[in-house]
Protein backbone atom coordinates (compact mmCIF):
# COMPACT_ATOMS: atom_id res chain seq x y z
CA MET A 1 32.65 161.29 -30.96
CA ALA A 2 34.85 161.40 -27.88
CA GLY A 3 36.27 158.20 -26.53
CA ARG A 4 36.70 156.20 -29.74
CA SER A 5 40.24 155.90 -31.08
CA TRP A 6 41.60 155.14 -34.49
CA LEU A 7 45.08 154.08 -35.60
CA VAL A 8 46.25 156.53 -38.26
CA SER A 9 49.39 157.13 -40.23
CA LYS A 10 51.10 160.46 -39.71
CA GLU A 11 53.86 161.85 -41.90
CA THR A 12 56.88 162.99 -39.90
CA GLY A 13 59.54 164.15 -42.29
CA ALA A 14 60.85 161.26 -44.36
CA GLN A 15 59.03 158.56 -42.41
CA THR A 16 55.49 157.53 -41.59
CA ARG A 17 54.51 156.57 -38.06
CA PHE A 18 51.25 155.25 -36.70
CA ILE A 19 49.51 156.87 -33.73
CA TYR A 20 46.18 156.56 -31.96
CA MET A 21 43.81 159.52 -32.28
CA THR A 22 40.14 159.99 -31.52
CA LEU A 23 37.87 160.00 -34.56
CA GLU A 24 37.30 163.72 -34.03
CA GLU A 25 41.06 164.39 -34.01
CA THR A 26 41.47 162.19 -37.06
CA PHE A 27 38.83 163.99 -39.13
CA MET A 28 40.23 167.39 -38.09
CA GLU A 29 43.72 166.24 -39.10
CA TRP A 30 42.42 165.11 -42.50
CA ARG A 31 40.63 168.39 -43.34
CA LYS A 32 41.27 169.54 -46.91
CA GLU A 33 39.06 172.44 -47.99
CA ARG A 34 36.48 174.63 -46.31
CA VAL A 35 33.26 174.52 -48.33
CA SER A 36 29.68 175.76 -48.19
CA VAL A 37 26.38 173.95 -48.61
CA GLU A 38 26.14 175.58 -52.04
CA ASP A 39 29.61 174.33 -53.03
CA ILE A 40 28.70 170.77 -52.13
CA GLU A 41 25.37 170.84 -53.94
CA LEU A 42 26.67 172.59 -57.08
CA LYS A 43 29.90 170.73 -57.86
CA PRO A 44 31.17 167.20 -57.26
CA ILE A 45 33.68 166.74 -54.45
CA PHE A 46 36.62 164.33 -54.62
CA ASP A 47 35.95 161.59 -57.14
CA LEU A 48 32.15 161.74 -57.04
CA GLU A 49 30.53 162.07 -60.45
CA THR A 50 27.72 164.35 -59.28
CA PRO A 51 27.26 166.86 -56.46
CA LEU A 52 25.68 165.64 -53.22
CA SER A 53 21.92 166.08 -53.01
CA ASP A 54 19.16 165.53 -50.50
CA ASP A 55 18.91 161.99 -51.87
CA VAL A 56 21.94 161.17 -49.69
CA GLN A 57 20.53 160.66 -46.19
CA ASP A 58 23.79 161.40 -44.31
CA TRP A 59 24.24 164.67 -46.23
CA ARG A 60 20.61 165.65 -45.61
CA ARG A 61 21.08 165.00 -41.85
CA LEU A 62 24.36 166.95 -41.68
CA LYS A 63 22.95 169.85 -43.68
CA SER A 64 19.93 170.11 -41.37
CA MET A 65 22.29 170.60 -38.41
CA VAL A 66 24.21 173.58 -39.84
CA LYS A 67 23.94 176.78 -37.75
CA ASP A 68 25.36 180.28 -38.18
CA GLY A 69 29.08 180.23 -37.45
CA ASP A 70 29.52 176.53 -38.29
CA GLU A 71 32.13 175.36 -40.77
CA LEU A 72 31.91 172.62 -43.39
CA TRP A 73 35.13 170.93 -44.43
CA THR A 74 35.99 168.17 -46.85
CA PHE A 75 38.30 165.53 -45.44
CA CYS A 76 40.30 162.70 -46.93
CA SER A 77 42.62 160.22 -45.29
CA PRO A 78 46.23 159.98 -46.50
CA GLN A 79 47.09 157.59 -49.32
CA GLU A 80 48.66 155.19 -46.80
CA GLU A 81 45.21 154.65 -45.27
CA TRP A 82 43.69 153.85 -48.68
CA ASP A 83 46.57 151.46 -49.37
CA ARG A 84 45.74 149.67 -46.08
CA PHE A 85 42.03 149.51 -47.10
CA MET A 86 41.16 151.95 -44.30
CA GLY A 87 40.61 155.12 -46.35
CA TRP A 88 37.81 157.59 -45.64
CA GLN A 89 36.65 160.80 -47.30
CA GLY A 90 33.66 163.07 -46.91
CA ILE A 91 32.43 166.19 -45.16
CA ILE A 92 32.59 167.24 -41.52
CA LEU A 93 30.50 169.82 -39.72
CA VAL A 94 32.66 171.78 -37.27
CA ARG A 95 31.13 173.94 -34.53
CA LYS A 96 33.35 175.97 -32.20
CA GLY A 97 36.35 173.85 -33.19
CA ARG A 98 34.64 170.49 -32.56
CA VAL A 99 33.33 167.94 -35.05
CA VAL A 100 29.53 167.80 -34.70
CA GLU A 101 28.62 165.48 -37.58
CA VAL A 102 30.25 163.51 -40.39
CA CYS A 103 29.02 162.55 -43.85
CA VAL A 104 31.27 159.83 -45.29
CA THR A 105 31.16 159.83 -49.08
CA SER A 106 33.66 157.03 -49.68
CA GLN A 107 35.63 154.45 -47.74
CA ASN A 108 37.45 151.22 -48.47
């Protein structure tokens, strides 16, 4: 993921500013909740109507990469990104503090 940058909005007190971050930095900034494989497969996340299953290829790929000590996090971009039609949400696989894989569940 290194090397690619993304223009994101960042809240700084009463104002919003836009900065460039790598995709990895962006997804780490947008982390919401630490979850487990079981959490994701038993209950819907965000606005999904059903839990993720192996029918979703990106989830299946991410899940197959999970090792002991890894972390799964949900992520969601700030509302400003959705308003600009650049919103993303999903799950990231974090290993030793670095994003290893991403499963995007929604974007606009």
